[in-house]
Amino acid sequence: MDFHQLRIFVEVTRLKGFSRAAENIFLSQPTISAHIKTLENEIGAPLFDRSQRELHLTDAGKILFKYAQELLEIKEEALSAIEKEYKIISGHLEIAASSVPGAYLLPGLLASFHRQHPEITFSVMIRDTKQVIQSIKDYTYSLGFTGEPGTQEGLEQVKLVEDELILIAPKGTNLPVTDQNTYPLLTTQLSSILQMPFILREPGSATRKVFEKTLKKHSGKNITLNIIGYIESLDTIKEAVKAGLGLTVISKIAVEEELRAEMIEGYRLQDLPIKRNFYLTYRKKRILPPINQAFLEFTVQYFTKKIDTIHTQDA
């Protein structure tokens, strides 16, 4: 039994599938299966109940999962202590991020960080906010960027920057406008969109969650939209709107180029501001390796300077 096998086991357990785990950690499914089989042979008991469509842990698997997470954490703490003693800031940085911060916040941040630490390599897992928070909670990743704060016990969040969700529509939709003074964003009423076809993100998406919460809070009840489909990919959902498939709610920073080029129409809903924040999420009591700690501190400084620059320009 080694740490590599334990990490594979934890990942298969977390994602409840061999193929999903293989995709997530860049190994083939036969390799994943072979490692799990080796673990089972060594332990002398099956770790998963394979009789159902979705994998579930056996009693032996539940025991190993608990200790596997602790062992992986202890390994990380040991390496962290050694690196701190010798002041080593190098290696490979693994980050989890939801789609919007992953696409529009991380590139600039990573470029700046890499200029200071060119010896560091990195990999970024892009998932929805719910999956990112879960990956921090179960120790798969140390740092995660999300569009919603994690409410689970033991998690800590640093607010990085404010975001605005807007409504986008295919060019030529021409929704009734109540305010044209904020072009290229216009203002329309909620009632004007209720019968329009909508495309939304998946249920774990922070964008969708914030939008649905805001609608409910505004009306005091669940509002029924004419939802014709769900799309996980941010780029695909933008292209679908451009193609005339329907409307969606999306982060303003994700469509600024399209708005400037007048490829789509952008709206705010009257008396219904949809605001949220982007967060850096990590476990409260987790001892971060120096590379992760350095990136956390760099991230906070990077966005503090960015906000200060924006305030100076607005003054």
Protein backbone atom coordinates (compact mmCIF):
# COMPACT_ATOMS: atom_id res chain seq x y z
CA MET A 1 0.00 0.00 0.00
CA ASP A 2 1.46 3.36 -1.01
CA PHE A 3 0.33 6.99 -1.04
CA HIS A 4 -0.31 6.96 -4.78
CA GLN A 5 -2.74 4.06 -4.42
CA LEU A 6 -4.44 5.75 -1.48
CA ARG A 7 -4.94 8.95 -3.44
CA ILE A 8 -6.46 6.97 -6.33
CA PHE A 9 -8.76 5.19 -3.87
CA VAL A 10 -9.87 8.50 -2.33
CA GLU A 11 -10.53 9.96 -5.78
CA VAL A 12 -12.58 6.94 -6.93
CA THR A 13 -14.58 7.12 -3.70
CA ARG A 14 -15.18 10.85 -4.03
CA LEU A 15 -16.30 10.68 -7.67
CA LYS A 16 -18.08 7.31 -7.30
CA GLY A 17 -16.64 5.93 -10.50
CA PHE A 18 -13.44 4.57 -12.06
CA SER A 19 -13.79 6.47 -15.35
CA ARG A 20 -14.47 9.83 -13.66
CA ALA A 21 -11.46 9.33 -11.35
CA ALA A 22 -9.26 8.34 -14.31
CA GLU A 23 -10.21 11.53 -16.15
CA ASN A 24 -9.61 13.67 -13.08
CA ILE A 25 -6.09 12.42 -12.29
CA PHE A 26 -5.00 11.76 -15.89
CA LEU A 27 -4.64 7.98 -15.71
CA SER A 28 -6.29 5.29 -17.81
CA GLN A 29 -9.27 3.42 -16.39
CA PRO A 30 -7.43 0.03 -16.50
CA THR A 31 -4.59 1.61 -14.46
CA ILE A 32 -7.09 2.91 -11.87
CA SER A 33 -8.77 -0.51 -11.69
CA ALA A 34 -5.42 -2.27 -11.29
CA HIS A 35 -4.41 -0.04 -8.37
CA ILE A 36 -7.74 -0.61 -6.61
CA LYS A 37 -7.46 -4.37 -7.18
CA THR A 38 -3.95 -4.34 -5.65
CA LEU A 39 -5.28 -2.52 -2.60
CA GLU A 40 -8.14 -5.01 -2.23
CA ASN A 41 -5.74 -7.96 -2.51
CA GLU A 42 -3.47 -6.46 0.13
CA ILE A 43 -6.34 -5.73 2.51
CA GLY A 44 -8.07 -9.03 1.81
CA ALA A 45 -11.51 -7.54 1.32
CA PRO A 46 -13.42 -5.68 -1.42
CA LEU A 47 -13.46 -1.90 -1.05
CA PHE A 48 -16.41 -1.19 -3.34
CA ASP A 49 -19.82 -2.72 -3.89
CA ARG A 50 -19.84 -3.11 -7.68
CA SER A 51 -23.33 -4.64 -7.88
CA GLN A 52 -24.96 -1.23 -8.33
CA ARG A 53 -24.66 1.29 -11.14
CA GLU A 54 -22.93 3.81 -8.87
CA LEU A 55 -20.00 2.67 -6.74
CA HIS A 56 -20.54 2.49 -2.99
CA LEU A 57 -18.00 1.71 -0.28
CA THR A 58 -18.12 -1.59 1.58
CA ASP A 59 -17.56 -1.58 5.35
CA ALA A 60 -13.85 -2.18 4.76
CA GLY A 61 -13.83 0.64 2.22
CA LYS A 62 -15.40 3.08 4.68
CA ILE A 63 -12.71 2.32 7.26
CA LEU A 64 -9.90 2.71 4.71
CA PHE A 65 -11.38 5.95 3.33
CA LYS A 66 -11.29 7.55 6.78
CA TYR A 67 -7.66 6.61 7.40
CA ALA A 68 -6.56 7.25 3.80
CA GLN A 69 -7.58 10.90 4.07
CA GLU A 70 -5.72 11.23 7.38
CA LEU A 71 -2.59 9.53 6.00
CA LEU A 72 -2.52 11.77 2.94
CA GLU A 73 -2.90 14.80 5.20
CA ILE A 74 -0.04 13.63 7.46
CA LYS A 75 2.18 13.09 4.40
CA GLU A 76 1.45 16.63 3.25
CA GLU A 77 2.22 18.03 6.70
CA ALA A 78 5.53 16.15 6.84
CA LEU A 79 6.62 17.45 3.43
CA SER A 80 5.47 20.93 4.42
CA ALA A 81 7.59 20.84 7.59
CA ILE A 82 10.68 19.77 5.62
CA GLU A 83 10.10 22.42 2.94
CA LYS A 84 9.66 25.14 5.56
CA GLU A 85 12.84 24.07 7.35
CA TYR A 86 14.82 24.41 4.15
CA LYS A 87 12.70 27.30 2.77
CA ILE A 88 11.84 25.41 -0.41
CA ILE A 89 9.32 27.15 -2.68
CA SER A 90 9.25 24.88 -5.71
CA GLY A 91 7.36 21.93 -7.10
CA HIS A 92 3.89 21.41 -8.54
CA LEU A 93 0.85 23.46 -7.51
CA GLU A 94 -2.61 21.89 -7.82
CA ILE A 95 -5.65 24.18 -7.84
CA ALA A 96 -9.38 23.57 -8.14
CA ALA A 97 -11.58 26.28 -9.68
CA SER A 98 -15.14 26.75 -10.83
CA SER A 99 -15.64 27.80 -14.45
CA VAL A 100 -15.79 31.61 -14.23
CA PRO A 101 -12.84 32.26 -11.91
CA GLY A 102 -10.97 29.46 -13.67
CA ALA A 103 -11.39 31.12 -17.06
CA TYR A 104 -11.27 34.82 -16.18
CA LEU A 105 -9.40 35.28 -12.87
CA LEU A 106 -6.76 32.55 -12.81
CA PRO A 107 -4.91 33.23 -16.10
CA GLY A 108 -3.70 36.69 -15.04
CA LEU A 109 -3.06 35.56 -11.47
CA LEU A 110 -1.03 32.53 -12.55
CA ALA A 111 0.96 34.58 -15.06
CA SER A 112 1.97 37.04 -12.31
CA PHE A 113 2.78 34.24 -9.87
CA HIS A 114 4.83 32.37 -12.48
CA ARG A 115 6.94 35.46 -13.15
CA GLN A 116 7.97 35.44 -9.49
CA HIS A 117 8.35 31.64 -9.25
CA PRO A 118 9.24 30.33 -12.73
CA GLU A 119 10.39 27.01 -11.24
CA ILE A 120 6.84 26.15 -10.14
CA THR A 121 4.53 24.13 -12.39
CA PHE A 122 0.78 23.93 -11.89
CA SER A 123 -2.40 22.13 -12.87
CA VAL A 124 -5.96 23.43 -12.60
CA MET A 125 -9.08 21.29 -12.23
CA ILE A 126 -12.19 23.04 -13.59
CA ARG A 127 -15.46 21.87 -12.05
CA ASP A 128 -18.61 23.54 -10.72
CA THR A 129 -18.54 25.32 -7.36
CA LYS A 130 -20.17 22.43 -5.49
CA GLN A 131 -17.50 19.99 -6.69
CA VAL A 132 -14.65 22.42 -5.96
CA ILE A 133 -15.83 22.93 -2.37
CA GLN A 134 -16.18 19.17 -1.92
CA SER A 135 -12.64 18.62 -3.23
CA ILE A 136 -11.32 21.02 -0.55
CA LYS A 137 -13.43 19.41 2.14
CA ASP A 138 -12.19 15.89 1.39
CA TYR A 139 -8.51 16.94 1.08
CA THR A 140 -8.23 16.24 -2.66
CA TYR A 141 -7.14 19.85 -3.24
CA SER A 142 -5.74 22.42 -0.83
CA LEU A 143 -6.94 25.59 -2.60
CA GLY A 144 -10.08 26.27 -4.61
CA PHE A 145 -11.58 29.27 -6.39
CA THR A 146 -15.37 29.47 -6.21
CA GLY A 147 -18.29 31.74 -7.04
CA GLU A 148 -20.00 31.07 -3.73
CA PRO A 149 -18.71 30.74 -0.15
CA GLY A 150 -18.41 27.24 1.27
CA THR A 151 -20.80 26.80 4.18
CA GLN A 152 -19.36 23.49 5.34
CA GLU A 153 -17.78 23.38 8.75
CA GLY A 154 -14.01 23.64 8.75
CA LEU A 155 -13.70 25.72 5.56
CA GLU A 156 -12.24 29.21 5.32
CA GLN A 157 -12.82 31.69 2.49
CA VAL A 158 -11.04 34.85 1.39
CA LYS A 159 -13.22 37.23 -0.63
CA LEU A 160 -11.28 38.24 -3.74
CA VAL A 161 -13.49 40.36 -5.99
CA GLU A 162 -17.14 41.25 -6.56
CA ASP A 163 -19.01 39.91 -9.56
CA GLU A 164 -22.25 40.90 -11.29
CA LEU A 165 -24.56 38.47 -13.04
CA ILE A 166 -26.34 39.79 -16.09
CA LEU A 167 -28.89 38.54 -18.56
CA ILE A 168 -27.68 37.94 -22.12
CA ALA A 169 -29.85 37.40 -25.18
CA PRO A 170 -29.25 36.70 -28.88
CA LYS A 171 -28.65 39.76 -31.04
CA GLY A 172 -31.96 41.11 -32.28
CA THR A 173 -34.01 39.92 -29.28
CA ASN A 174 -34.78 43.54 -28.36
CA LEU A 175 -36.38 43.07 -24.95
CA PRO A 176 -38.49 45.99 -23.67
CA VAL A 177 -36.08 48.53 -22.17
CA THR A 178 -36.70 50.66 -19.09
CA ASP A 179 -33.23 52.28 -18.93
CA GLN A 180 -30.73 52.85 -21.75
CA ASN A 181 -28.23 54.95 -19.77
CA THR A 182 -25.88 52.06 -18.97
CA TYR A 183 -25.16 50.91 -22.54
CA PRO A 184 -23.99 48.31 -23.57
CA LEU A 185 -26.05 46.95 -20.66
CA LEU A 186 -29.72 47.90 -20.88
CA THR A 187 -32.39 47.42 -18.23
CA THR A 188 -35.49 45.32 -18.66
CA GLN A 189 -38.25 44.02 -16.39
CA LEU A 190 -38.46 40.51 -15.01
CA SER A 191 -41.92 40.05 -16.52
CA SER A 192 -40.52 40.52 -20.02
CA ILE A 193 -38.37 37.36 -19.86
CA LEU A 194 -40.64 34.83 -18.15
CA GLN A 195 -41.88 33.29 -21.41
CA MET A 196 -38.53 33.48 -23.22
CA PRO A 197 -36.52 30.25 -23.72
CA PHE A 198 -33.74 29.90 -21.12
CA ILE A 199 -30.53 27.87 -21.01
CA LEU A 200 -29.05 27.39 -17.54
CA ARG A 201 -25.92 25.92 -16.01
CA GLU A 202 -25.95 22.61 -14.10
CA PRO A 203 -27.40 22.47 -10.52
CA GLY A 204 -23.96 22.65 -8.85
CA SER A 205 -23.12 25.93 -10.61
CA ALA A 206 -22.81 28.99 -8.35
CA THR A 207 -24.09 31.21 -11.19
CA ARG A 208 -27.34 29.28 -11.37
CA LYS A 209 -27.68 29.02 -7.58
CA VAL A 210 -27.23 32.76 -7.04
CA PHE A 211 -29.69 33.57 -9.83
CA GLU A 212 -32.38 31.24 -8.47
CA LYS A 213 -31.89 32.54 -4.91
CA THR A 214 -32.20 36.15 -6.10
CA LEU A 215 -35.39 35.41 -8.05
CA LYS A 216 -36.97 33.70 -5.04
CA LYS A 217 -35.94 36.47 -2.65
CA HIS A 218 -37.32 39.13 -5.02
CA SER A 219 -40.70 37.49 -5.54
CA GLY A 220 -41.10 35.56 -2.29
CA LYS A 221 -41.78 32.38 -4.24
CA ASN A 222 -40.25 30.14 -6.88
CA ILE A 223 -40.50 31.70 -10.32
CA THR A 224 -41.00 29.29 -13.20
CA LEU A 225 -38.81 30.01 -16.20
CA ASN A 226 -39.14 28.49 -19.65
CA ILE A 227 -35.98 26.36 -19.37
CA ILE A 228 -35.23 24.48 -22.58
CA GLY A 229 -31.88 22.99 -21.59
CA TYR A 230 -28.84 22.81 -19.33
CA ILE A 231 -25.23 23.21 -20.45
CA GLU A 232 -22.16 22.72 -18.25
CA SER A 233 -19.58 24.47 -20.44
CA LEU A 234 -19.36 28.25 -20.10
CA ASP A 235 -18.10 28.70 -23.67
CA THR A 236 -20.80 26.41 -25.06
CA ILE A 237 -23.57 28.29 -23.29
CA LYS A 238 -22.27 31.59 -24.69
CA GLU A 239 -22.15 30.15 -28.20
CA ALA A 240 -25.69 28.79 -27.77
CA VAL A 241 -26.97 32.27 -26.93
CA LYS A 242 -25.12 33.75 -29.92
CA ALA A 243 -26.75 31.09 -32.12
CA GLY A 244 -30.21 32.17 -30.95
CA LEU A 245 -31.03 29.17 -28.77
CA GLY A 246 -32.19 31.22 -25.81
CA LEU A 247 -31.30 33.54 -22.93
CA THR A 248 -29.04 32.89 -19.98
CA VAL A 249 -27.66 34.54 -16.86
CA ILE A 250 -23.88 34.81 -16.80
CA SER A 251 -21.01 36.68 -15.16
CA LYS A 252 -20.44 40.07 -16.75
CA ILE A 253 -16.68 39.48 -16.93
CA ALA A 254 -17.32 36.39 -19.05
CA VAL A 255 -19.02 38.32 -21.86
CA GLU A 256 -17.39 41.76 -21.86
CA GLU A 257 -15.74 41.17 -25.26
CA GLU A 258 -18.99 39.92 -26.81
CA LEU A 259 -20.87 42.94 -25.44
CA ARG A 260 -18.31 45.39 -26.81
CA ALA A 261 -18.46 43.67 -30.21
CA GLU A 262 -22.30 43.75 -30.08
CA MET A 263 -22.45 40.00 -30.72
CA ILE A 264 -25.12 39.61 -28.02
CA GLU A 265 -27.48 41.82 -26.04
CA GLY A 266 -26.86 42.40 -22.33
CA TYR A 267 -29.45 43.38 -19.73
CA ARG A 268 -29.85 44.06 -16.04
CA LEU A 269 -33.20 43.21 -14.48
CA GLN A 270 -34.95 46.26 -13.08
CA ASP A 271 -34.82 46.46 -9.25
CA LEU A 272 -33.12 43.07 -9.23
CA PRO A 273 -29.35 43.48 -8.83
CA ILE A 274 -27.64 40.09 -8.96
CA LYS A 275 -24.34 40.37 -7.12
CA ARG A 276 -21.95 37.74 -5.83
CA ASN A 277 -18.29 37.39 -4.92
CA PHE A 278 -15.44 35.15 -5.94
CA TYR A 279 -13.60 33.37 -3.12
CA LEU A 280 -10.40 31.50 -2.45
CA THR A 281 -11.42 28.51 -0.33
CA TYR A 282 -9.27 26.25 1.88
CA ARG A 283 -9.53 24.20 5.07
CA LYS A 284 -9.17 26.20 8.31
CA LYS A 285 -6.85 23.91 10.21
CA ARG A 286 -4.97 22.41 7.30
CA ILE A 287 -1.22 23.05 7.32
CA LEU A 288 -0.49 24.14 3.77
CA PRO A 289 2.77 23.21 2.03
CA PRO A 290 5.00 26.27 1.43
CA ILE A 291 4.13 26.36 -2.27
CA ASN A 292 0.39 26.49 -1.49
CA GLN A 293 0.88 29.00 1.33
CA ALA A 294 2.97 31.20 -0.95
CA PHE A 295 0.28 31.07 -3.64
CA LEU A 296 -2.47 31.85 -1.11
CA GLU A 297 -0.60 34.93 0.17
CA PHE A 298 0.25 36.03 -3.38
CA THR A 299 -3.40 35.68 -4.43
CA VAL A 300 -4.65 37.88 -1.57
CA GLN A 301 -2.05 40.57 -2.36
CA TYR A 302 -2.76 40.36 -6.11
CA PHE A 303 -6.49 41.01 -5.74
CA THR A 304 -6.00 43.64 -3.03
CA LYS A 305 -3.81 45.61 -5.43
CA LYS A 306 -6.30 45.05 -8.26
CA ILE A 307 -9.19 46.43 -6.18
CA ASP A 308 -7.09 49.40 -5.02
CA THR A 309 -6.24 50.19 -8.68
CA ILE A 310 -9.93 50.10 -9.66
CA HIS A 311 -10.87 52.42 -6.77
CA THR A 312 -8.08 54.85 -7.75
CA GLN A 313 -9.29 54.93 -11.36
CA ASP A 314 -12.88 55.55 -10.25
CA ALA A 315 -11.90 58.39 -7.89
